[in-house]
Amino acid sequence: MAERTRSLEVKVGIFVFLGLVILTWFIFRIGDLKLTTRGYSVRVLFGFANGIKQGAPVRIAGVDKGEVKEIRLTHNAEGKPQVFIRIWVEGDAQIPVDSRAWVNTLGLLGEKYLEIVPGKDYNKVLVHDSLLVGEDPTSVQEVTDLAKDIALSTKDTLDTLNNVMKDMREGRGTVGKLFTDESLYNDVEEMFADLKKNPWKLLYRPKDVR
């Protein structure tokens, strides 16, 4: 009886151990944790992070090659905010020092990620704990203000055109009189008819009388 109990306990222990192993592998698989992949960390400096979060993907030349590990907000000597984003990238990803980096969006309202476009000088590449200065994205408020300025400028232009068309219809101004004053129209028509018959008048310059 005791041997049967001990055998059952061993079987249960093996079953629990195998279950824990499978569960651990499944968690690592779901989280896409690369325990054996070598890589290095890089700091990216921004003045505006545009809502990027820890764990966001890092794309180099459009390929997923890392993720955001840490986001830290500080201030410089002038009191302006600075955002240091520490990213981890795979060891085979070489990033030239003249590369460009900014926060991008998947779709119009999609996930934020860090986009890195490699530079051309592969003789100088970033190493562990190097600093890359990123390009600050345009905030929604700046886009709204720009759209407002464009709308106001367009409205002023349309108002001016409407006033010009109104003056033309009512015969005000030189252009309006040209369309409404029959005598002025006839004079202009005669002038063009005369030039058509005598095109040399366009080139004729009377001599100065001293």
N, C-alpha and C. Protein backbone atom coordinates (compact mmCIF):
# COMPACT_ATOMS: atom_id res chain seq x y z
N MET A 1 0.84 -1.21 0.00
CA MET A 1 0.00 0.00 0.00
C MET A 1 0.87 1.26 0.00
N ALA A 2 1.93 1.20 0.81
CA ALA A 2 2.84 2.35 0.89
C ALA A 2 3.56 2.55 -0.42
N GLU A 3 3.93 1.41 -1.08
CA GLU A 3 4.62 1.54 -2.36
C GLU A 3 3.72 2.15 -3.42
N ARG A 4 2.43 1.79 -3.41
CA ARG A 4 1.48 2.37 -4.37
C ARG A 4 1.33 3.87 -4.11
N THR A 5 1.27 4.27 -2.86
CA THR A 5 1.13 5.70 -2.52
C THR A 5 2.35 6.48 -2.98
N ARG A 6 3.55 5.90 -2.72
CA ARG A 6 4.79 6.55 -3.13
C ARG A 6 4.87 6.65 -4.65
N SER A 7 4.46 5.64 -5.36
CA SER A 7 4.47 5.64 -6.83
C SER A 7 3.52 6.69 -7.37
N LEU A 8 2.37 6.83 -6.71
CA LEU A 8 1.39 7.84 -7.15
C LEU A 8 1.94 9.24 -6.93
N GLU A 9 2.63 9.45 -5.82
CA GLU A 9 3.21 10.76 -5.52
C GLU A 9 4.29 11.11 -6.55
N VAL A 10 5.08 10.11 -6.93
CA VAL A 10 6.12 10.35 -7.93
C VAL A 10 5.50 10.74 -9.27
N LYS A 11 4.45 10.03 -9.66
CA LYS A 11 3.78 10.34 -10.93
C LYS A 11 3.18 11.74 -10.90
N VAL A 12 2.54 12.07 -9.77
CA VAL A 12 1.96 13.42 -9.65
C VAL A 12 3.05 14.48 -9.71
N GLY A 13 4.19 14.23 -9.05
CA GLY A 13 5.29 15.19 -9.07
C GLY A 13 5.84 15.38 -10.48
N ILE A 14 6.02 14.29 -11.20
CA ILE A 14 6.50 14.40 -12.59
C ILE A 14 5.50 15.16 -13.45
N PHE A 15 4.22 14.89 -13.26
CA PHE A 15 3.18 15.56 -14.03
C PHE A 15 3.18 17.07 -13.76
N VAL A 16 3.32 17.43 -12.46
CA VAL A 16 3.36 18.85 -12.10
C VAL A 16 4.60 19.52 -12.67
N PHE A 17 5.75 18.83 -12.60
CA PHE A 17 7.00 19.39 -13.13
C PHE A 17 6.90 19.64 -14.63
N LEU A 18 6.39 18.64 -15.35
CA LEU A 18 6.22 18.81 -16.79
C LEU A 18 5.25 19.94 -17.11
N GLY A 19 4.20 20.07 -16.29
CA GLY A 19 3.24 21.15 -16.50
C GLY A 19 3.88 22.52 -16.32
N LEU A 20 4.75 22.64 -15.30
CA LEU A 20 5.44 23.91 -15.06
C LEU A 20 6.41 24.24 -16.20
N VAL A 21 7.08 23.20 -16.70
CA VAL A 21 8.01 23.43 -17.83
C VAL A 21 7.24 23.92 -19.05
N ILE A 22 6.13 23.27 -19.36
CA ILE A 22 5.32 23.66 -20.52
C ILE A 22 4.77 25.07 -20.34
N LEU A 23 4.30 25.38 -19.10
CA LEU A 23 3.74 26.71 -18.84
C LEU A 23 4.81 27.79 -18.99
N THR A 24 6.01 27.51 -18.48
CA THR A 24 7.11 28.48 -18.61
C THR A 24 7.48 28.71 -20.08
N TRP A 25 7.57 27.64 -20.83
CA TRP A 25 7.87 27.78 -22.26
C TRP A 25 6.77 28.56 -22.97
N PHE A 26 5.52 28.33 -22.61
CA PHE A 26 4.40 29.02 -23.25
C PHE A 26 4.44 30.52 -22.94
N ILE A 27 4.78 30.87 -21.68
CA ILE A 27 4.84 32.29 -21.31
C ILE A 27 5.95 32.99 -22.09
N PHE A 28 7.11 32.35 -22.17
CA PHE A 28 8.21 32.95 -22.94
C PHE A 28 7.86 33.06 -24.42
N ARG A 29 7.14 32.10 -24.93
CA ARG A 29 6.75 32.10 -26.34
C ARG A 29 5.78 33.22 -26.64
N ILE A 30 4.78 33.39 -25.76
CA ILE A 30 3.79 34.44 -25.96
C ILE A 30 4.44 35.82 -25.85
N GLY A 31 5.32 35.97 -24.87
CA GLY A 31 5.96 37.26 -24.66
C GLY A 31 7.08 37.55 -25.64
N ASP A 32 7.38 36.60 -26.52
CA ASP A 32 8.44 36.76 -27.52
C ASP A 32 9.76 37.15 -26.87
N LEU A 33 10.08 36.47 -25.77
CA LEU A 33 11.31 36.75 -25.05
C LEU A 33 12.45 35.96 -25.68
N LYS A 34 13.46 36.66 -26.10
CA LYS A 34 14.59 36.02 -26.75
C LYS A 34 15.73 35.91 -25.75
N LEU A 35 15.76 34.78 -25.05
CA LEU A 35 16.74 34.63 -23.98
C LEU A 35 18.15 34.43 -24.52
N THR A 36 18.26 33.88 -25.70
CA THR A 36 19.58 33.57 -26.25
C THR A 36 20.07 34.60 -27.25
N THR A 37 19.24 35.58 -27.59
CA THR A 37 19.64 36.59 -28.58
C THR A 37 20.51 37.65 -27.93
N ARG A 38 21.65 37.94 -28.53
CA ARG A 38 22.53 38.97 -28.02
C ARG A 38 22.12 40.32 -28.60
N GLY A 39 22.34 41.36 -27.81
CA GLY A 39 21.99 42.69 -28.26
C GLY A 39 22.70 43.74 -27.44
N TYR A 40 22.35 44.98 -27.66
CA TYR A 40 22.94 46.09 -26.92
C TYR A 40 21.90 47.20 -26.76
N SER A 41 22.16 48.12 -25.82
CA SER A 41 21.24 49.19 -25.50
C SER A 41 21.72 50.51 -26.10
N VAL A 42 20.78 51.34 -26.50
CA VAL A 42 21.06 52.66 -27.05
C VAL A 42 20.09 53.65 -26.42
N ARG A 43 20.59 54.82 -26.09
CA ARG A 43 19.74 55.90 -25.58
C ARG A 43 19.36 56.83 -26.73
N VAL A 44 18.06 57.15 -26.81
CA VAL A 44 17.56 58.06 -27.85
C VAL A 44 16.94 59.26 -27.14
N LEU A 45 17.39 60.45 -27.51
CA LEU A 45 16.95 61.68 -26.85
C LEU A 45 15.88 62.38 -27.68
N PHE A 46 14.77 62.73 -27.01
CA PHE A 46 13.69 63.48 -27.64
C PHE A 46 13.31 64.66 -26.74
N GLY A 47 12.66 65.64 -27.36
CA GLY A 47 12.04 66.70 -26.58
C GLY A 47 10.56 66.46 -26.39
N PHE A 48 10.01 65.54 -27.21
CA PHE A 48 8.58 65.21 -27.15
C PHE A 48 8.44 63.77 -27.58
N ALA A 49 7.88 62.92 -26.70
CA ALA A 49 7.85 61.48 -26.96
C ALA A 49 6.61 61.02 -27.70
N ASN A 50 5.60 61.87 -27.80
CA ASN A 50 4.40 61.56 -28.60
C ASN A 50 3.65 60.31 -28.15
N GLY A 51 3.71 60.00 -26.84
CA GLY A 51 2.89 58.92 -26.30
C GLY A 51 3.43 57.52 -26.47
N ILE A 52 4.70 57.37 -26.85
CA ILE A 52 5.27 56.03 -26.98
C ILE A 52 5.39 55.40 -25.59
N LYS A 53 5.21 54.10 -25.49
CA LYS A 53 5.21 53.42 -24.21
C LYS A 53 6.31 52.36 -24.14
N GLN A 54 6.62 51.98 -22.91
CA GLN A 54 7.60 50.92 -22.70
C GLN A 54 7.10 49.62 -23.30
N GLY A 55 7.98 48.91 -23.97
CA GLY A 55 7.61 47.68 -24.66
C GLY A 55 7.25 47.88 -26.11
N ALA A 56 7.22 49.14 -26.57
CA ALA A 56 6.91 49.41 -27.98
C ALA A 56 8.03 48.86 -28.87
N PRO A 57 7.69 48.41 -30.06
CA PRO A 57 8.72 47.86 -30.96
C PRO A 57 9.65 48.94 -31.50
N VAL A 58 10.84 48.50 -31.86
CA VAL A 58 11.83 49.36 -32.52
C VAL A 58 12.08 48.79 -33.90
N ARG A 59 11.89 49.62 -34.93
CA ARG A 59 12.09 49.19 -36.30
C ARG A 59 13.31 49.88 -36.89
N ILE A 60 14.18 49.10 -37.48
CA ILE A 60 15.36 49.62 -38.15
C ILE A 60 15.23 49.29 -39.63
N ALA A 61 15.17 50.33 -40.45
CA ALA A 61 14.94 50.16 -41.90
C ALA A 61 13.65 49.38 -42.16
N GLY A 62 12.64 49.59 -41.30
CA GLY A 62 11.34 48.96 -41.49
C GLY A 62 11.23 47.55 -40.96
N VAL A 63 12.27 47.04 -40.26
CA VAL A 63 12.27 45.67 -39.75
C VAL A 63 12.31 45.71 -38.23
N ASP A 64 11.46 44.91 -37.58
CA ASP A 64 11.47 44.84 -36.12
C ASP A 64 12.79 44.26 -35.64
N LYS A 65 13.54 45.10 -34.89
CA LYS A 65 14.86 44.67 -34.43
C LYS A 65 15.09 44.96 -32.95
N GLY A 66 14.06 45.29 -32.21
CA GLY A 66 14.24 45.57 -30.79
C GLY A 66 12.97 46.10 -30.17
N GLU A 67 13.11 46.64 -28.97
CA GLU A 67 11.96 47.20 -28.27
C GLU A 67 12.40 48.27 -27.29
N VAL A 68 11.43 49.08 -26.87
CA VAL A 68 11.68 50.14 -25.89
C VAL A 68 11.72 49.53 -24.50
N LYS A 69 12.81 49.75 -23.79
CA LYS A 69 12.98 49.17 -22.47
C LYS A 69 12.69 50.15 -21.34
N GLU A 70 12.96 51.43 -21.57
CA GLU A 70 12.80 52.41 -20.48
C GLU A 70 12.52 53.79 -21.07
N ILE A 71 11.67 54.55 -20.39
CA ILE A 71 11.37 55.93 -20.78
C ILE A 71 11.56 56.80 -19.55
N ARG A 72 12.42 57.80 -19.66
CA ARG A 72 12.74 58.63 -18.50
C ARG A 72 12.63 60.10 -18.89
N LEU A 73 11.90 60.87 -18.08
CA LEU A 73 11.70 62.31 -18.32
C LEU A 73 12.61 63.11 -17.40
N THR A 74 13.41 63.99 -18.00
CA THR A 74 14.29 64.88 -17.24
C THR A 74 14.14 66.29 -17.80
N HIS A 75 14.97 67.20 -17.28
CA HIS A 75 14.97 68.59 -17.75
C HIS A 75 16.42 69.04 -17.92
N ASN A 76 16.64 69.86 -18.94
CA ASN A 76 17.99 70.37 -19.16
C ASN A 76 18.25 71.59 -18.29
N ALA A 77 19.39 72.24 -18.50
CA ALA A 77 19.76 73.39 -17.68
C ALA A 77 18.80 74.56 -17.85
N GLU A 78 18.13 74.63 -19.00
CA GLU A 78 17.19 75.73 -19.26
C GLU A 78 15.78 75.39 -18.78
N GLY A 79 15.60 74.20 -18.25
CA GLY A 79 14.29 73.81 -17.75
C GLY A 79 13.39 73.15 -18.78
N LYS A 80 13.89 72.94 -19.99
CA LYS A 80 13.09 72.30 -21.02
C LYS A 80 13.06 70.79 -20.80
N PRO A 81 11.94 70.15 -21.07
CA PRO A 81 11.86 68.70 -20.85
C PRO A 81 12.70 67.92 -21.86
N GLN A 82 13.30 66.86 -21.37
CA GLN A 82 14.05 65.94 -22.21
C GLN A 82 13.57 64.52 -21.91
N VAL A 83 13.35 63.76 -22.97
CA VAL A 83 12.89 62.38 -22.83
C VAL A 83 14.00 61.45 -23.31
N PHE A 84 14.51 60.65 -22.39
CA PHE A 84 15.51 59.64 -22.76
C PHE A 84 14.80 58.29 -22.89
N ILE A 85 14.87 57.72 -24.06
CA ILE A 85 14.26 56.42 -24.33
C ILE A 85 15.39 55.41 -24.52
N ARG A 86 15.45 54.43 -23.62
CA ARG A 86 16.47 53.39 -23.74
C ARG A 86 15.87 52.23 -24.52
N ILE A 87 16.52 51.88 -25.61
CA ILE A 87 16.03 50.79 -26.46
C ILE A 87 17.04 49.65 -26.46
N TRP A 88 16.55 48.46 -26.68
CA TRP A 88 17.39 47.28 -26.86
C TRP A 88 17.23 46.82 -28.30
N VAL A 89 18.37 46.61 -28.96
CA VAL A 89 18.34 46.15 -30.35
C VAL A 89 19.20 44.90 -30.47
N GLU A 90 18.87 44.08 -31.43
CA GLU A 90 19.60 42.84 -31.65
C GLU A 90 21.05 43.12 -32.09
N GLY A 91 21.93 42.20 -31.73
CA GLY A 91 23.34 42.42 -31.96
C GLY A 91 23.74 42.57 -33.41
N ASP A 92 22.98 41.97 -34.33
CA ASP A 92 23.33 42.07 -35.74
C ASP A 92 22.83 43.34 -36.40
N ALA A 93 22.13 44.18 -35.64
CA ALA A 93 21.60 45.43 -36.18
C ALA A 93 22.62 46.55 -35.98
N GLN A 94 23.26 46.98 -37.05
CA GLN A 94 24.22 48.07 -37.00
C GLN A 94 23.52 49.39 -37.30
N ILE A 95 23.73 50.35 -36.42
CA ILE A 95 23.09 51.66 -36.56
C ILE A 95 24.18 52.71 -36.71
N PRO A 96 24.36 53.31 -37.90
CA PRO A 96 25.35 54.36 -38.07
C PRO A 96 25.03 55.58 -37.20
N VAL A 97 26.06 56.32 -36.83
CA VAL A 97 25.87 57.48 -35.95
C VAL A 97 25.06 58.58 -36.62
N ASP A 98 25.01 58.60 -37.96
CA ASP A 98 24.23 59.63 -38.66
C ASP A 98 22.82 59.16 -39.00
N SER A 99 22.34 58.17 -38.27
CA SER A 99 20.98 57.67 -38.49
C SER A 99 19.94 58.65 -37.96
N ARG A 100 18.73 58.50 -38.43
CA ARG A 100 17.60 59.33 -38.00
C ARG A 100 16.61 58.47 -37.22
N ALA A 101 16.02 59.06 -36.18
CA ALA A 101 15.07 58.32 -35.35
C ALA A 101 13.90 59.23 -34.99
N TRP A 102 12.70 58.68 -35.01
CA TRP A 102 11.51 59.42 -34.60
C TRP A 102 10.43 58.43 -34.18
N VAL A 103 9.42 58.95 -33.49
CA VAL A 103 8.29 58.14 -33.05
C VAL A 103 7.27 58.10 -34.17
N ASN A 104 6.92 56.91 -34.62
CA ASN A 104 5.99 56.75 -35.72
C ASN A 104 4.73 56.05 -35.24
N THR A 105 3.74 55.97 -36.10
CA THR A 105 2.45 55.38 -35.74
C THR A 105 2.04 54.37 -36.79
N LEU A 106 1.58 53.21 -36.34
CA LEU A 106 1.04 52.20 -37.25
C LEU A 106 -0.40 52.58 -37.59
N GLY A 107 -0.61 53.11 -38.79
CA GLY A 107 -1.95 53.56 -39.15
C GLY A 107 -2.22 54.94 -38.58
N LEU A 108 -3.46 55.39 -38.73
CA LEU A 108 -3.84 56.73 -38.30
C LEU A 108 -3.94 56.83 -36.78
N LEU A 109 -4.50 55.81 -36.15
CA LEU A 109 -4.67 55.81 -34.70
C LEU A 109 -4.08 54.53 -34.09
N GLY A 110 -3.01 54.03 -34.67
CA GLY A 110 -2.48 52.75 -34.26
C GLY A 110 -1.42 52.84 -33.18
N GLU A 111 -0.65 51.77 -33.07
CA GLU A 111 0.37 51.64 -32.04
C GLU A 111 1.57 52.53 -32.35
N LYS A 112 2.15 53.10 -31.30
CA LYS A 112 3.36 53.91 -31.44
C LYS A 112 4.57 52.99 -31.45
N TYR A 113 5.54 53.33 -32.27
CA TYR A 113 6.79 52.58 -32.28
C TYR A 113 7.93 53.52 -32.65
N LEU A 114 9.16 53.08 -32.39
CA LEU A 114 10.33 53.90 -32.69
C LEU A 114 10.89 53.48 -34.04
N GLU A 115 10.95 54.45 -34.93
CA GLU A 115 11.45 54.20 -36.29
C GLU A 115 12.87 54.74 -36.40
N ILE A 116 13.77 53.90 -36.89
CA ILE A 116 15.16 54.30 -37.12
C ILE A 116 15.50 54.05 -38.59
N VAL A 117 15.91 55.11 -39.27
CA VAL A 117 16.36 54.99 -40.66
C VAL A 117 17.88 55.09 -40.65
N PRO A 118 18.57 54.00 -40.99
CA PRO A 118 20.04 54.01 -40.91
C PRO A 118 20.66 55.07 -41.82
N GLY A 119 21.77 55.63 -41.32
CA GLY A 119 22.52 56.59 -42.12
C GLY A 119 23.42 55.89 -43.13
N LYS A 120 24.40 56.60 -43.64
CA LYS A 120 25.26 56.07 -44.70
C LYS A 120 26.67 55.75 -44.21
N ASP A 121 27.06 56.31 -43.06
CA ASP A 121 28.44 56.13 -42.59
C ASP A 121 28.53 54.90 -41.68
N TYR A 122 28.75 53.72 -42.31
CA TYR A 122 28.84 52.49 -41.53
C TYR A 122 30.23 52.30 -40.92
N ASN A 123 31.13 53.26 -41.15
CA ASN A 123 32.43 53.20 -40.47
C ASN A 123 32.32 53.62 -39.01
N LYS A 124 31.26 54.36 -38.69
CA LYS A 124 31.00 54.78 -37.32
C LYS A 124 29.59 54.34 -36.94
N VAL A 125 29.49 53.36 -36.10
CA VAL A 125 28.17 52.84 -35.69
C VAL A 125 28.02 53.00 -34.19
N LEU A 126 26.76 52.97 -33.74
CA LEU A 126 26.46 53.08 -32.32
C LEU A 126 26.86 51.81 -31.59
N VAL A 127 27.37 51.99 -30.39
CA VAL A 127 27.73 50.85 -29.54
C VAL A 127 26.87 50.91 -28.28
N HIS A 128 27.14 50.02 -27.36
CA HIS A 128 26.35 49.94 -26.13
C HIS A 128 26.36 51.27 -25.38
N ASP A 129 25.18 51.75 -25.01
CA ASP A 129 24.97 52.97 -24.25
C ASP A 129 25.30 54.24 -25.04
N SER A 130 25.35 54.15 -26.36
CA SER A 130 25.54 55.35 -27.18
C SER A 130 24.28 56.21 -27.15
N LEU A 131 24.45 57.48 -27.51
CA LEU A 131 23.33 58.43 -27.53
C LEU A 131 23.02 58.81 -28.97
N LEU A 132 21.74 58.71 -29.33
CA LEU A 132 21.26 59.12 -30.65
C LEU A 132 20.18 60.17 -30.45
N VAL A 133 20.37 61.34 -31.04
CA VAL A 133 19.40 62.43 -30.92
C VAL A 133 18.29 62.21 -31.95
N GLY A 134 17.06 62.05 -31.46
CA GLY A 134 15.93 61.81 -32.34
C GLY A 134 15.28 63.09 -32.83
N GLU A 135 14.39 62.94 -33.78
CA GLU A 135 13.64 64.07 -34.33
C GLU A 135 12.27 64.12 -33.65
N ASP A 136 11.97 65.27 -33.07
CA ASP A 136 10.71 65.42 -32.34
C ASP A 136 9.53 65.38 -33.30
N PRO A 137 8.51 64.57 -33.01
CA PRO A 137 7.32 64.52 -33.87
C PRO A 137 6.47 65.77 -33.69
N THR A 138 5.65 66.05 -34.66
CA THR A 138 4.75 67.19 -34.58
C THR A 138 3.56 66.83 -33.71
N SER A 139 3.27 67.68 -32.73
CA SER A 139 2.15 67.41 -31.83
C SER A 139 0.83 67.68 -32.53
N VAL A 140 -0.23 67.14 -31.95
CA VAL A 140 -1.58 67.33 -32.51
C VAL A 140 -1.97 68.80 -32.46
N GLN A 141 -1.55 69.51 -31.41
CA GLN A 141 -1.87 70.92 -31.28
C GLN A 141 -1.22 71.74 -32.38
N GLU A 142 0.04 71.40 -32.72
CA GLU A 142 0.72 72.12 -33.80
C GLU A 142 0.03 71.88 -35.14
N VAL A 143 -0.41 70.66 -35.38
CA VAL A 143 -1.14 70.36 -36.61
C VAL A 143 -2.45 71.13 -36.66
N THR A 144 -3.14 71.20 -35.52
CA THR A 144 -4.41 71.93 -35.45
C THR A 144 -4.19 73.41 -35.71
N ASP A 145 -3.16 73.99 -35.10
CA ASP A 145 -2.87 75.41 -35.31
C ASP A 145 -2.52 75.70 -36.78
N LEU A 146 -1.73 74.81 -37.40
CA LEU A 146 -1.38 74.99 -38.80
C LEU A 146 -2.61 74.91 -39.70
N ALA A 147 -3.49 73.95 -39.43
CA ALA A 147 -4.72 73.83 -40.21
C ALA A 147 -5.60 75.07 -40.04
N LYS A 148 -5.63 75.61 -38.83
CA LYS A 148 -6.42 76.82 -38.58
C LYS A 148 -5.87 78.00 -39.36
N ASP A 149 -4.54 78.16 -39.37
CA ASP A 149 -3.92 79.26 -40.12
C ASP A 149 -4.20 79.13 -41.62
N ILE A 150 -4.12 77.90 -42.13
CA ILE A 150 -4.39 77.69 -43.56
C ILE A 150 -5.85 78.01 -43.88
N ALA A 151 -6.76 77.61 -42.99
CA ALA A 151 -8.19 77.87 -43.21
C ALA A 151 -8.47 79.37 -43.21
N LEU A 152 -7.85 80.12 -42.29
CA LEU A 152 -8.05 81.57 -42.23
C LEU A 152 -7.48 82.25 -43.48
N SER A 153 -6.29 81.80 -43.91
CA SER A 153 -5.68 82.38 -45.11
C SER A 153 -6.53 82.10 -46.35
N THR A 154 -7.08 80.88 -46.43
CA THR A 154 -7.94 80.53 -47.56
C THR A 154 -9.21 81.37 -47.56
N LYS A 155 -9.76 81.59 -46.37
CA LYS A 155 -10.98 82.40 -46.25
C LYS A 155 -10.72 83.83 -46.70
N ASP A 156 -9.57 84.41 -46.30
CA ASP A 156 -9.25 85.78 -46.73
C ASP A 156 -9.10 85.86 -48.25
N THR A 157 -8.47 84.86 -48.84
CA THR A 157 -8.29 84.84 -50.30
C THR A 157 -9.64 84.75 -51.01
N LEU A 158 -10.51 83.88 -50.51
CA LEU A 158 -11.83 83.75 -51.12
C LEU A 158 -12.65 85.02 -50.97
N ASP A 159 -12.53 85.68 -49.82
CA ASP A 159 -13.25 86.95 -49.63
C ASP A 159 -12.76 88.00 -50.62
N THR A 160 -11.44 88.04 -50.84
CA THR A 160 -10.89 89.00 -51.80
C THR A 160 -11.39 88.71 -53.21
N LEU A 161 -11.41 87.43 -53.61
CA LEU A 161 -11.90 87.07 -54.93
C LEU A 161 -13.39 87.39 -55.07
N ASN A 162 -14.15 87.18 -54.03
CA ASN A 162 -15.58 87.51 -54.09
C ASN A 162 -15.79 89.00 -54.27
N ASN A 163 -14.97 89.82 -53.60
CA ASN A 163 -15.10 91.27 -53.74
C ASN A 163 -14.73 91.71 -55.16
N VAL A 164 -13.67 91.08 -55.72
CA VAL A 164 -13.28 91.42 -57.10
C VAL A 164 -14.38 91.05 -58.07
N MET A 165 -14.96 89.86 -57.91
CA MET A 165 -16.05 89.44 -58.80
C MET A 165 -17.28 90.35 -58.65
N LYS A 166 -17.53 90.78 -57.43
CA LYS A 166 -18.68 91.69 -57.21
C LYS A 166 -18.44 93.02 -57.91
N ASP A 167 -17.20 93.57 -57.81
CA ASP A 167 -16.88 94.82 -58.49
C ASP A 167 -16.99 94.68 -60.00
N MET A 168 -16.58 93.52 -60.53
CA MET A 168 -16.69 93.29 -61.97
C MET A 168 -18.14 93.27 -62.41
N ARG A 169 -19.00 92.58 -61.63
CA ARG A 169 -20.42 92.51 -62.01
C ARG A 169 -21.10 93.88 -61.94
N GLU A 170 -20.66 94.71 -60.98
CA GLU A 170 -21.29 96.02 -60.79
C GLU A 170 -20.59 97.13 -61.56
N GLY A 171 -19.54 96.76 -62.32
CA GLY A 171 -18.88 97.75 -63.18
C GLY A 171 -17.93 98.67 -62.46
N ARG A 172 -17.47 98.29 -61.28
CA ARG A 172 -16.52 99.12 -60.55
C ARG A 172 -15.10 98.66 -60.87
N GLY A 173 -14.18 99.64 -60.91
CA GLY A 173 -12.80 99.31 -61.21
C GLY A 173 -12.56 99.21 -62.71
N THR A 174 -11.29 99.14 -63.08
CA THR A 174 -10.92 99.10 -64.49
C THR A 174 -11.45 97.85 -65.18
N VAL A 175 -11.26 96.69 -64.53
CA VAL A 175 -11.72 95.44 -65.13
C VAL A 175 -13.24 95.41 -65.21
N GLY A 176 -13.91 95.94 -64.17
CA GLY A 176 -15.37 95.95 -64.20
C GLY A 176 -15.91 96.84 -65.30
N LYS A 177 -15.29 98.01 -65.51
CA LYS A 177 -15.72 98.91 -66.57
C LYS A 177 -15.49 98.30 -67.95
N LEU A 178 -14.42 97.52 -68.06
CA LEU A 178 -14.12 96.88 -69.34
C LEU A 178 -15.24 95.94 -69.76
N PHE A 179 -15.88 95.30 -68.77
CA PHE A 179 -16.95 94.36 -69.08
C PHE A 179 -18.32 95.04 -69.15
N THR A 180 -18.46 96.21 -68.55
CA THR A 180 -19.80 96.84 -68.50
C THR A 180 -19.90 98.09 -69.37
N ASP A 181 -18.78 98.81 -69.57
CA ASP A 181 -18.81 100.04 -70.37
C ASP A 181 -18.60 99.68 -71.84
N GLU A 182 -19.63 99.87 -72.65
CA GLU A 182 -19.58 99.46 -74.04
C GLU A 182 -18.59 100.28 -74.84
N SER A 183 -18.47 101.60 -74.52
CA SER A 183 -17.55 102.44 -75.28
C SER A 183 -16.11 102.04 -75.02
N LEU A 184 -15.79 101.74 -73.74
CA LEU A 184 -14.43 101.30 -73.42
C LEU A 184 -14.13 99.97 -74.08
N TYR A 185 -15.11 99.10 -74.11
CA TYR A 185 -14.92 97.80 -74.76
C TYR A 185 -14.67 97.98 -76.25
N ASN A 186 -15.41 98.90 -76.87
CA ASN A 186 -15.23 99.15 -78.31
C ASN A 186 -13.86 99.73 -78.60
N ASP A 187 -13.38 100.62 -77.70
CA ASP A 187 -12.06 101.21 -77.91
C ASP A 187 -10.97 100.13 -77.84
N VAL A 188 -11.10 99.24 -76.87
CA VAL A 188 -10.12 98.17 -76.74
C VAL A 188 -10.17 97.25 -77.96
N GLU A 189 -11.37 96.97 -78.45
CA GLU A 189 -11.53 96.11 -79.60
C GLU A 189 -10.92 96.75 -80.84
N GLU A 190 -11.12 98.07 -81.02
CA GLU A 190 -10.54 98.78 -82.16
C GLU A 190 -9.01 98.78 -82.06
N MET A 191 -8.48 98.93 -80.81
CA MET A 191 -7.03 98.95 -80.65
C MET A 191 -6.42 97.61 -81.08
N PHE A 192 -7.03 96.52 -80.67
CA PHE A 192 -6.52 95.21 -81.05
C PHE A 192 -6.68 94.96 -82.55
N ALA A 193 -7.77 95.46 -83.13
CA ALA A 193 -7.95 95.30 -84.57
C ALA A 193 -6.90 96.06 -85.36
N ASP A 194 -6.55 97.26 -84.85
CA ASP A 194 -5.52 98.06 -85.52
C ASP A 194 -4.15 97.39 -85.40
N LEU A 195 -3.87 96.83 -84.21
CA LEU A 195 -2.58 96.14 -84.04
C LEU A 195 -2.51 94.89 -84.90
N LYS A 196 -3.64 94.26 -85.13
CA LYS A 196 -3.66 93.07 -85.97
C LYS A 196 -3.33 93.43 -87.41
N LYS A 197 -3.80 94.61 -87.87
CA LYS A 197 -3.50 95.04 -89.23
C LYS A 197 -2.10 95.62 -89.35
N ASN A 198 -1.64 96.27 -88.28
CA ASN A 198 -0.33 96.93 -88.31
C ASN A 198 0.52 96.44 -87.12
N PRO A 199 0.99 95.22 -87.15
CA PRO A 199 1.74 94.69 -86.00
C PRO A 199 3.06 95.40 -85.78
N TRP A 200 3.53 96.15 -86.83
CA TRP A 200 4.80 96.86 -86.68
C TRP A 200 4.73 97.94 -85.60
N LYS A 201 3.50 98.37 -85.24
CA LYS A 201 3.36 99.41 -84.22
C LYS A 201 3.82 98.93 -82.85
N LEU A 202 3.81 97.61 -82.65
CA LEU A 202 4.27 97.07 -81.36
C LEU A 202 5.77 97.28 -81.17
N LEU A 203 6.50 97.37 -82.30
CA LEU A 203 7.95 97.53 -82.25
C LEU A 203 8.39 98.97 -82.50
N TYR A 204 7.46 99.84 -82.84
CA TYR A 204 7.81 101.23 -83.21
C TYR A 204 8.06 102.05 -81.94
N ARG A 205 9.19 102.73 -81.91
CA ARG A 205 9.54 103.60 -80.79
C ARG A 205 9.85 104.98 -81.34
N PRO A 206 9.04 105.98 -81.03
CA PRO A 206 9.30 107.32 -81.55
C PRO A 206 10.62 107.89 -80.99
N LYS A 207 11.31 108.67 -81.84
CA LYS A 207 12.56 109.27 -81.42
C LYS A 207 12.30 110.40 -80.44
N ASP A 208 13.21 110.52 -79.48
CA ASP A 208 13.09 111.60 -78.50
C ASP A 208 13.38 112.92 -79.17
N VAL A 209 12.51 113.92 -78.94
CA VAL A 209 12.70 115.26 -79.49
C VAL A 209 13.38 116.10 -78.45
N ARG A 210 14.58 116.57 -78.76
CA ARG A 210 15.32 117.38 -77.84
C ARG A 210 15.15 118.85 -78.17
